[in-house]
Amino acid sequence: MSEKGNPSSDLKTDYAVDPRRIPSIQDGDFVDSSSPEAKAVLRKIDFCMLPLMGFCYLLQFMDKLALSSSTLLGLLEDLKLEGTEYSWCSAVFYFGYLAWSWPSSYFIVRFPTGKYLAVTVFLWGGILMCHAACTDFAGLVTVRFFLGVGEAAVAPGFALITGMFYTRQEQPLRQGAWFAGNSLANIFGGLVAYGIGQANSSLENWRLLFLILGSITSAYGVVLFFFLPDSPSKAVFLDEDQQQIAVKRTIENKTGVMDSDTFVTSQVIDALSDPQLWFLVLYTAAVNLANGGLTSFGAIVVSGFGFSNLKALLVQMPVGVAQLIFLVITSSLASFIPSIRLVLMIINTLTAMAGIIVVYACEGRATRMAGLCLGSVFAANIPLALSLITSNVGGFTKRSVINATMFVAYCVGNIIGPQFYLTTDWESALDF
């Protein structure tokens, strides 16, 4: 798969600038991205956009991890989950994610991108709080499905926004920057769950966990509604001249997305016939077999190493540290060394495979924890894969369709992954 794909034949249509919105920009009117003015605009974009997206992604993954953490805070006993019911509560999230991936790819194009994403964040926070009201398997599996619907737009949406604001050379590092929220969630999620586990409340601690995380997420959705821009020409943190520079920077590199709300049918066909898409689909489905299991059963696996339930929440933190280290290294290398992203993805995957072999073959808590940390570093490949799309694919509609299809594969892997964890194994880990 090439890392330097040709722009779509529909590039001009999707990248056309509405002259009523930015009248001074003409065809071929580019800006030197190395000029002082362009660098100043880039710094401002980094300062405003990366924290907005990074913290949102942190919340998203903390919300995903909340189900795993809640198993050590009494959820399984209180809801009387039996057999494979917990596995399906985990997997059904991705059925919701899968069901909404393609509709979301349309709505991201049809509606203002920033506003659409903000509304979905607000709604998924509310759905997360509804977890606290569950009393049985039926209730939990229902809210898990709708949580998947609520979260389906965020990662593809952020990938598209990165393509709007950044050039090809800038994208891998910026994709890694906001995706670092994933790794930080592994670190801080354990701390939050541990703290809530120490609480003396009339409400069960696992219910309290969902209420706290959900309320924070919904509040952040309001923040995004007012501050996450729909496009460079609508960024409130840039003045009019800076908006024009931001647009011109990405026109020159043919990665920017203008204020187009047109869904281009021909680009859907172009996307589905692109070999890059199907290579990414195969890879994404395969690697997320592991991701689905570790996300759902990570806390239980660590508990099975011989840690108490509360300590197991804390000792998962090094997993996030390992992910963060590999994420920083690989994203930085991809930004400064041409055509290296696929090589880095292979290295990360082989490292993760070695780590999982250590968990299986070795004894001792410390050794197994080290293996588990290495086994999670495949997560650093996700921003690299997303940047392959935003760098290589021209056209907002085509890129949106490819993003959505890749996340369909992501869902399939995460649905199948938890089913590999046998009930007898994880129940014995919890000393049932």
Protein backbone atom coordinates (compact mmCIF):
# COMPACT_ATOMS: atom_id res chain seq x y z
CA MET A 1 0.00 0.00 0.00
CA SER A 2 1.42 3.34 -1.02
CA GLU A 3 1.84 6.18 1.40
CA LYS A 4 1.71 8.71 -1.41
CA GLY A 5 -1.59 8.10 -3.13
CA ASN A 6 -2.88 10.27 -5.95
CA PRO A 7 -5.63 12.77 -5.22
CA SER A 8 -9.14 11.84 -6.16
CA SER A 9 -10.45 12.86 -9.54
CA ASP A 10 -13.18 14.65 -7.63
CA LEU A 11 -10.65 16.66 -5.71
CA LYS A 12 -11.55 19.99 -7.25
CA THR A 13 -15.24 19.55 -6.47
CA ASP A 14 -14.71 18.66 -2.85
CA TYR A 15 -11.96 21.19 -2.24
CA ALA A 16 -13.67 24.08 -3.99
CA VAL A 17 -13.88 27.14 -1.79
CA ASP A 18 -17.15 29.00 -1.53
CA PRO A 19 -16.20 32.54 -2.64
CA ARG A 20 -18.99 33.99 -0.57
CA ARG A 21 -17.20 32.78 2.53
CA ILE A 22 -13.55 33.39 1.67
CA PRO A 23 -13.65 35.75 -1.30
CA SER A 24 -9.92 36.48 -1.49
CA ILE A 25 -8.88 32.88 -2.19
CA GLN A 26 -8.48 32.02 -5.84
CA ASP A 27 -7.45 28.83 -7.63
CA GLY A 28 -3.72 28.35 -7.24
CA ASP A 29 -3.54 31.02 -4.51
CA PHE A 30 -1.38 29.11 -2.02
CA VAL A 31 0.72 30.11 0.96
CA ASP A 32 4.20 28.96 1.87
CA SER A 33 3.71 26.77 4.95
CA SER A 34 7.22 27.68 6.11
CA SER A 35 6.51 31.43 6.20
CA PRO A 36 6.38 33.17 9.61
CA GLU A 37 2.67 33.91 9.17
CA ALA A 38 1.83 30.29 8.37
CA LYS A 39 3.91 29.02 11.29
CA ALA A 40 2.11 31.40 13.65
CA VAL A 41 -1.24 30.09 12.42
CA LEU A 42 -0.05 26.50 12.86
CA ARG A 43 0.98 27.19 16.46
CA LYS A 44 -2.44 28.66 17.19
CA ILE A 45 -4.19 25.70 15.58
CA ASP A 46 -2.08 23.28 17.64
CA PHE A 47 -2.73 25.21 20.84
CA CYS A 48 -6.50 25.20 20.37
CA MET A 49 -7.36 22.07 18.38
CA LEU A 50 -5.14 19.38 19.88
CA PRO A 51 -6.29 19.86 23.50
CA LEU A 52 -9.94 19.96 22.39
CA MET A 53 -9.67 16.68 20.49
CA GLY A 54 -7.20 15.01 22.87
CA PHE A 55 -9.32 15.51 25.99
CA CYS A 56 -12.41 14.30 24.14
CA TYR A 57 -10.59 11.16 23.06
CA LEU A 58 -9.41 10.64 26.64
CA LEU A 59 -13.04 10.78 27.80
CA GLN A 60 -14.11 8.39 25.08
CA PHE A 61 -11.64 5.70 26.07
CA MET A 62 -12.24 6.22 29.79
CA ASP A 63 -15.92 5.64 29.07
CA LYS A 64 -15.06 2.42 27.22
CA LEU A 65 -12.84 1.24 30.06
CA ALA A 66 -15.55 2.00 32.62
CA LEU A 67 -17.30 -1.30 31.89
CA SER A 68 -14.11 -3.28 32.47
CA SER A 69 -13.37 -1.34 35.67
CA SER A 70 -16.94 -1.80 36.91
CA THR A 71 -16.46 -5.58 36.91
CA LEU A 72 -14.07 -5.11 39.83
CA LEU A 73 -16.49 -2.75 41.59
CA GLY A 74 -19.41 -5.17 41.84
CA LEU A 75 -21.32 -4.84 38.55
CA LEU A 76 -21.27 -8.56 37.74
CA GLU A 77 -22.71 -9.54 41.10
CA ASP A 78 -25.30 -6.75 41.29
CA LEU A 79 -26.69 -7.42 37.80
CA LYS A 80 -26.31 -11.19 38.20
CA LEU A 81 -24.61 -11.59 34.83
CA GLU A 82 -24.07 -15.23 33.93
CA GLY A 83 -22.20 -17.18 31.28
CA THR A 84 -21.37 -15.12 28.22
CA GLU A 85 -23.67 -12.22 29.12
CA TYR A 86 -20.79 -9.95 30.09
CA SER A 87 -18.96 -10.73 26.85
CA TRP A 88 -22.04 -9.74 24.88
CA CYS A 89 -22.52 -6.57 26.89
CA SER A 90 -19.04 -5.63 25.79
CA ALA A 91 -19.48 -6.73 22.17
CA VAL A 92 -22.88 -5.10 21.64
CA PHE A 93 -21.25 -1.67 22.00
CA TYR A 94 -19.58 -2.33 18.66
CA PHE A 95 -22.86 -3.41 17.06
CA GLY A 96 -24.11 0.10 17.82
CA TYR A 97 -20.84 1.57 16.59
CA LEU A 98 -21.13 -0.54 13.43
CA ALA A 99 -24.76 0.39 12.82
CA TRP A 100 -24.01 4.11 12.96
CA SER A 101 -20.65 4.23 11.16
CA TRP A 102 -22.04 4.67 7.66
CA PRO A 103 -24.93 7.00 8.58
CA SER A 104 -22.42 9.05 10.53
CA SER A 105 -20.14 9.31 7.49
CA TYR A 106 -23.06 10.97 5.68
CA PHE A 107 -24.03 13.30 8.53
CA ILE A 108 -20.43 14.46 9.02
CA VAL A 109 -20.47 15.66 5.41
CA ARG A 110 -24.04 16.96 5.42
CA PHE A 111 -23.97 18.91 8.70
CA PRO A 112 -21.39 21.24 10.30
CA THR A 113 -18.70 18.82 11.43
CA GLY A 114 -17.83 20.41 14.77
CA LYS A 115 -21.46 20.86 15.83
CA TYR A 116 -22.38 17.33 14.83
CA LEU A 117 -19.51 15.87 16.84
CA ALA A 118 -20.35 18.03 19.86
CA VAL A 119 -23.96 16.82 19.88
CA THR A 120 -22.86 13.18 19.71
CA VAL A 121 -20.48 13.71 22.64
CA PHE A 122 -23.25 15.29 24.72
CA LEU A 123 -25.61 12.40 23.95
CA TRP A 124 -23.11 9.65 24.67
CA GLY A 125 -22.41 11.22 28.06
CA GLY A 126 -26.12 10.99 28.84
CA ILE A 127 -26.23 7.38 27.69
CA LEU A 128 -23.24 6.56 29.88
CA MET A 129 -25.07 7.96 32.91
CA CYS A 130 -28.00 5.67 32.04
CA HIS A 131 -25.70 2.71 32.79
CA ALA A 132 -26.14 3.55 36.47
CA ALA A 133 -29.88 2.78 36.22
CA CYS A 134 -29.38 -0.76 34.92
CA THR A 135 -30.68 -3.63 37.03
CA ASP A 136 -30.22 -6.61 34.71
CA PHE A 137 -28.61 -7.91 31.55
CA ALA A 138 -31.35 -6.55 29.25
CA GLY A 139 -30.92 -3.00 30.51
CA LEU A 140 -27.13 -3.09 30.31
CA VAL A 141 -27.01 -4.56 26.82
CA THR A 142 -29.44 -1.88 25.60
CA VAL A 143 -27.47 1.09 26.89
CA ARG A 144 -24.24 -0.45 25.64
CA PHE A 145 -25.67 -0.60 22.12
CA PHE A 146 -26.71 3.06 22.18
CA LEU A 147 -23.38 4.08 23.68
CA GLY A 148 -21.75 2.60 20.58
CA VAL A 149 -24.08 4.68 18.41
CA GLY A 150 -23.12 7.81 20.34
CA GLU A 151 -19.38 7.26 20.05
CA ALA A 152 -19.29 6.17 16.40
CA ALA A 153 -18.60 9.61 14.95
CA VAL A 154 -15.71 10.79 17.09
CA ALA A 155 -12.59 9.03 15.78
CA PRO A 156 -13.55 9.29 12.07
CA GLY A 157 -14.63 12.88 12.67
CA PHE A 158 -11.37 13.85 14.32
CA ALA A 159 -9.44 12.19 11.49
CA LEU A 160 -11.34 14.34 9.00
CA ILE A 161 -10.76 17.49 11.04
CA THR A 162 -7.04 16.72 11.12
CA GLY A 163 -7.11 16.56 7.33
CA MET A 164 -8.84 19.95 7.26
CA PHE A 165 -6.28 21.78 9.37
CA TYR A 166 -2.95 20.06 8.70
CA THR A 167 -0.69 19.27 5.76
CA ARG A 168 0.44 15.75 4.90
CA GLN A 169 3.75 16.18 6.71
CA GLU A 170 2.05 17.50 9.84
CA GLN A 171 -0.71 14.93 10.12
CA PRO A 172 0.96 11.82 11.67
CA LEU A 173 2.26 13.75 14.69
CA ARG A 174 -1.07 15.56 15.17
CA GLN A 175 -3.06 12.34 14.80
CA GLY A 176 -0.82 10.88 17.48
CA ALA A 177 -1.24 13.95 19.69
CA TRP A 178 -5.01 13.75 20.00
CA PHE A 179 -4.93 9.94 20.03
CA ALA A 180 -2.64 10.17 23.07
CA GLY A 181 -5.88 10.67 24.98
CA ASN A 182 -6.37 6.93 24.55
CA SER A 183 -3.13 6.13 26.37
CA LEU A 184 -3.74 8.77 29.03
CA ALA A 185 -7.17 7.24 29.65
CA ASN A 186 -5.47 3.97 30.57
CA ILE A 187 -3.36 5.89 33.08
CA PHE A 188 -5.96 8.18 34.62
CA GLY A 189 -8.88 5.79 34.20
CA GLY A 190 -7.33 3.42 36.71
CA LEU A 191 -6.78 6.25 39.17
CA VAL A 192 -10.36 7.48 38.85
CA ALA A 193 -11.83 3.99 39.23
CA TYR A 194 -9.56 3.29 42.22
CA GLY A 195 -10.64 6.53 43.90
CA ILE A 196 -14.32 5.81 43.33
CA GLY A 197 -13.77 2.27 44.59
CA GLN A 198 -12.66 3.75 47.93
CA ALA A 199 -15.83 5.85 48.27
CA ASN A 200 -18.36 5.16 51.00
CA SER A 201 -21.62 5.94 49.26
CA SER A 202 -25.21 4.78 49.50
CA LEU A 203 -24.94 4.17 45.77
CA GLU A 204 -22.95 1.22 44.47
CA ASN A 205 -19.48 2.33 43.41
CA TRP A 206 -19.84 1.05 39.85
CA ARG A 207 -22.99 3.14 39.41
CA LEU A 208 -21.15 6.15 40.78
CA LEU A 209 -18.36 5.58 38.24
CA PHE A 210 -20.79 5.76 35.31
CA LEU A 211 -22.56 8.84 36.68
CA ILE A 212 -19.36 10.80 37.21
CA LEU A 213 -17.80 9.95 33.85
CA GLY A 214 -21.07 10.51 31.99
CA SER A 215 -21.71 13.93 33.51
CA ILE A 216 -18.17 15.08 32.67
CA THR A 217 -18.58 13.87 29.09
CA SER A 218 -21.91 15.65 28.55
CA ALA A 219 -20.51 18.86 29.98
CA TYR A 220 -17.57 18.60 27.60
CA GLY A 221 -19.96 18.17 24.70
CA VAL A 222 -21.27 21.66 25.45
CA VAL A 223 -17.70 22.99 25.40
CA LEU A 224 -17.08 21.40 22.01
CA PHE A 225 -20.28 22.88 20.59
CA PHE A 226 -18.96 26.38 21.09
CA PHE A 227 -15.25 25.88 20.48
CA LEU A 228 -14.69 22.98 18.03
CA PRO A 229 -14.71 24.57 14.53
CA ASP A 230 -16.49 23.07 11.55
CA SER A 231 -13.63 24.04 9.21
CA PRO A 232 -10.58 26.35 9.11
CA SER A 233 -12.69 29.21 7.74
CA LYS A 234 -14.98 28.99 10.78
CA ALA A 235 -12.33 28.69 13.49
CA VAL A 236 -13.25 31.30 16.10
CA PHE A 237 -9.71 31.36 17.48
CA LEU A 238 -8.38 32.67 14.13
CA ASP A 239 -9.00 36.13 12.72
CA GLU A 240 -10.10 36.54 9.08
CA ASP A 241 -6.58 36.76 7.67
CA GLN A 242 -5.45 33.74 9.69
CA GLN A 243 -8.46 31.75 8.50
CA GLN A 244 -7.43 32.40 4.91
CA ILE A 245 -3.87 31.30 5.66
CA ALA A 246 -5.17 28.13 7.35
CA VAL A 247 -7.22 27.29 4.27
CA LYS A 248 -4.41 28.04 1.82
CA ARG A 249 -1.93 25.87 3.74
CA THR A 250 -4.01 22.74 3.18
CA ILE A 251 -5.07 23.59 -0.38
CA GLU A 252 -1.41 23.50 -1.40
CA ASN A 253 -1.03 20.00 0.00
CA LYS A 254 -4.44 18.83 -1.26
CA THR A 255 -5.46 17.59 2.17
CA GLY A 256 -7.71 20.40 3.32
CA VAL A 257 -11.50 20.22 3.38
CA MET A 258 -13.49 23.32 2.61
CA ASP A 259 -16.98 24.35 3.55
CA SER A 260 -18.66 21.82 1.30
CA ASP A 261 -21.83 20.09 2.46
CA THR A 262 -22.19 18.05 -0.74
CA PHE A 263 -22.18 14.27 -0.59
CA VAL A 264 -20.46 13.24 -3.86
CA THR A 265 -21.81 9.85 -4.98
CA SER A 266 -18.99 9.24 -7.46
CA GLN A 267 -16.49 9.42 -4.61
CA VAL A 268 -18.33 6.59 -2.81
CA ILE A 269 -17.70 4.34 -5.81
CA ASP A 270 -14.11 5.57 -6.01
CA ALA A 271 -13.59 4.77 -2.32
CA LEU A 272 -14.97 1.24 -2.55
CA SER A 273 -12.72 0.45 -5.53
CA ASP A 274 -9.55 1.75 -3.84
CA PRO A 275 -7.15 -1.09 -2.83
CA GLN A 276 -5.91 1.00 0.11
CA LEU A 277 -9.33 0.64 1.71
CA TRP A 278 -9.36 -3.15 1.65
CA PHE A 279 -5.80 -3.51 2.93
CA LEU A 280 -6.74 -1.29 5.87
CA VAL A 281 -9.97 -3.21 6.43
CA LEU A 282 -8.13 -6.54 6.66
CA TYR A 283 -5.48 -5.15 8.99
CA THR A 284 -7.96 -3.30 11.20
CA ALA A 285 -10.25 -6.29 11.68
CA ALA A 286 -7.34 -8.57 12.57
CA VAL A 287 -5.62 -6.30 15.08
CA ASN A 288 -8.87 -5.46 16.86
CA LEU A 289 -9.50 -9.06 17.76
CA ALA A 290 -6.90 -8.42 20.46
CA ASN A 291 -8.15 -4.94 21.23
CA GLY A 292 -11.71 -6.09 21.88
CA GLY A 293 -10.63 -8.67 24.41
CA LEU A 294 -8.11 -6.49 26.25
CA THR A 295 -10.45 -3.51 26.48
CA SER A 296 -13.28 -5.63 27.90
CA PHE A 297 -11.31 -8.02 30.07
CA GLY A 298 -8.13 -6.09 30.85
CA ALA A 299 -9.05 -5.45 34.48
CA ILE A 300 -10.09 -9.07 34.97
CA VAL A 301 -6.89 -10.35 33.33
CA VAL A 302 -4.76 -8.23 35.67
CA SER A 303 -6.78 -9.42 38.65
CA GLY A 304 -6.04 -12.97 37.52
CA PHE A 305 -2.31 -12.26 37.88
CA GLY A 306 -2.91 -12.28 41.64
CA PHE A 307 -3.81 -8.66 42.44
CA SER A 308 -6.79 -7.63 44.54
CA ASN A 309 -9.63 -5.94 42.70
CA LEU A 310 -8.70 -2.38 43.69
CA LYS A 311 -4.98 -2.93 43.13
CA ALA A 312 -5.75 -4.39 39.70
CA LEU A 313 -7.32 -1.04 38.77
CA LEU A 314 -4.09 0.74 39.65
CA VAL A 315 -1.55 -1.63 38.14
CA GLN A 316 -3.14 -1.26 34.70
CA MET A 317 -1.61 2.23 34.53
CA PRO A 318 1.74 1.03 33.05
CA VAL A 319 -0.21 -0.28 30.06
CA GLY A 320 -1.12 3.31 29.23
CA VAL A 321 2.47 4.43 29.76
CA ALA A 322 3.77 1.80 27.31
CA GLN A 323 1.19 2.84 24.72
CA LEU A 324 2.09 6.49 25.17
CA ILE A 325 5.83 5.85 24.73
CA PHE A 326 5.32 3.92 21.49
CA LEU A 327 2.78 6.46 20.30
CA VAL A 328 5.15 9.39 20.76
CA ILE A 329 8.09 7.58 19.15
CA THR A 330 6.21 6.24 16.12
CA SER A 331 4.20 9.40 15.45
CA SER A 332 7.34 11.52 15.66
CA LEU A 333 9.29 9.24 13.33
CA ALA A 334 6.41 9.19 10.86
CA SER A 335 6.39 12.98 10.79
CA PHE A 336 10.09 13.35 10.02
CA ILE A 337 10.96 10.26 7.96
CA PRO A 338 9.13 9.89 4.62
CA SER A 339 7.27 6.67 3.78
CA ILE A 340 7.94 4.93 7.09
CA ARG A 341 4.43 4.58 8.53
CA LEU A 342 3.80 1.04 7.31
CA VAL A 343 7.18 -0.12 8.62
CA LEU A 344 6.37 1.37 12.03
CA MET A 345 2.98 -0.34 12.06
CA ILE A 346 4.64 -3.69 11.40
CA ILE A 347 7.15 -3.12 14.22
CA ASN A 348 4.40 -2.19 16.68
CA THR A 349 2.35 -5.24 15.74
CA LEU A 350 5.30 -7.63 16.13
CA THR A 351 6.12 -6.07 19.51
CA ALA A 352 2.54 -6.59 20.66
CA MET A 353 2.60 -10.22 19.52
CA ALA A 354 5.80 -10.81 21.49
CA GLY A 355 4.21 -9.27 24.58
CA ILE A 356 1.15 -11.51 24.43
CA ILE A 357 3.41 -14.57 24.04
CA VAL A 358 5.19 -13.51 27.25
CA VAL A 359 1.85 -13.31 29.09
CA TYR A 360 0.96 -16.80 27.92
CA ALA A 361 4.32 -18.53 28.35
CA CYS A 362 5.83 -16.96 31.46
CA GLU A 363 5.07 -17.06 35.17
CA GLY A 364 5.27 -14.30 37.73
CA ARG A 365 3.15 -11.16 38.06
CA ALA A 366 5.87 -8.71 37.09
CA THR A 367 6.84 -10.62 33.94
CA ARG A 368 3.24 -11.03 32.86
CA MET A 369 2.49 -7.36 33.49
CA ALA A 370 5.51 -6.42 31.36
CA GLY A 371 4.20 -8.68 28.62
CA LEU A 372 0.73 -7.14 28.88
CA CYS A 373 2.22 -3.66 28.57
CA LEU A 374 4.06 -4.64 25.39
CA GLY A 375 1.00 -6.49 24.15
CA SER A 376 -1.00 -3.27 24.10
CA VAL A 377 1.34 -1.15 21.97
CA PHE A 378 -0.48 -2.05 18.75
CA ALA A 379 -2.79 0.82 19.73
CA ALA A 380 -0.07 3.20 18.51
CA ASN A 381 -0.90 2.03 14.98
CA ILE A 382 -4.37 3.56 14.96
CA PRO A 383 -3.31 7.19 14.36
CA LEU A 384 -0.78 5.98 11.79
CA ALA A 385 -3.53 4.15 9.90
CA LEU A 386 -5.83 7.17 10.10
CA SER A 387 -3.08 9.44 8.81
CA LEU A 388 -2.61 7.13 5.82
CA ILE A 389 -6.18 7.96 4.84
CA THR A 390 -6.05 11.69 5.45
CA SER A 391 -2.72 11.96 3.62
CA ASN A 392 -3.43 9.73 0.63
CA VAL A 393 -7.10 10.30 -0.14
CA GLY A 394 -8.45 13.38 -1.88
CA GLY A 395 -12.06 14.46 -1.44
CA PHE A 396 -14.12 14.90 1.71
CA THR A 397 -16.77 12.34 0.74
CA LYS A 398 -14.27 9.67 -0.31
CA ARG A 399 -12.24 10.15 2.85
CA SER A 400 -15.37 10.03 4.98
CA VAL A 401 -16.50 6.77 3.35
CA ILE A 402 -13.08 5.13 3.76
CA ASN A 403 -12.94 6.21 7.41
CA ALA A 404 -16.39 4.76 8.04
CA THR A 405 -15.58 1.47 6.29
CA MET A 406 -12.36 1.10 8.24
CA PHE A 407 -14.29 1.58 11.45
CA VAL A 408 -16.74 -1.12 10.35
CA ALA A 409 -13.74 -3.47 10.32
CA TYR A 410 -12.73 -2.05 13.70
CA CYS A 411 -16.15 -3.01 15.06
CA VAL A 412 -16.07 -6.51 13.61
CA GLY A 413 -12.76 -7.24 15.31
CA ASN A 414 -13.96 -5.84 18.62
CA ILE A 415 -17.20 -7.84 18.46
CA ILE A 416 -15.39 -11.12 17.88
CA GLY A 417 -12.50 -10.49 20.30
CA PRO A 418 -14.36 -10.79 23.64
CA GLN A 419 -15.89 -14.11 22.57
CA PHE A 420 -12.46 -15.76 22.85
CA TYR A 421 -12.49 -15.23 26.63
CA LEU A 422 -14.03 -18.32 28.18
CA THR A 423 -16.44 -17.78 31.07
CA THR A 424 -14.68 -20.38 33.22
CA ASP A 425 -11.37 -18.56 32.82
CA TRP A 426 -12.47 -15.06 33.79
CA GLU A 427 -14.75 -16.26 36.58
CA SER A 428 -11.82 -18.11 38.16
CA ALA A 429 -9.72 -14.95 37.84
CA LEU A 430 -12.32 -13.13 39.94
CA ASP A 431 -12.48 -16.05 42.41
CA PHE A 432 -16.16 -16.70 41.80
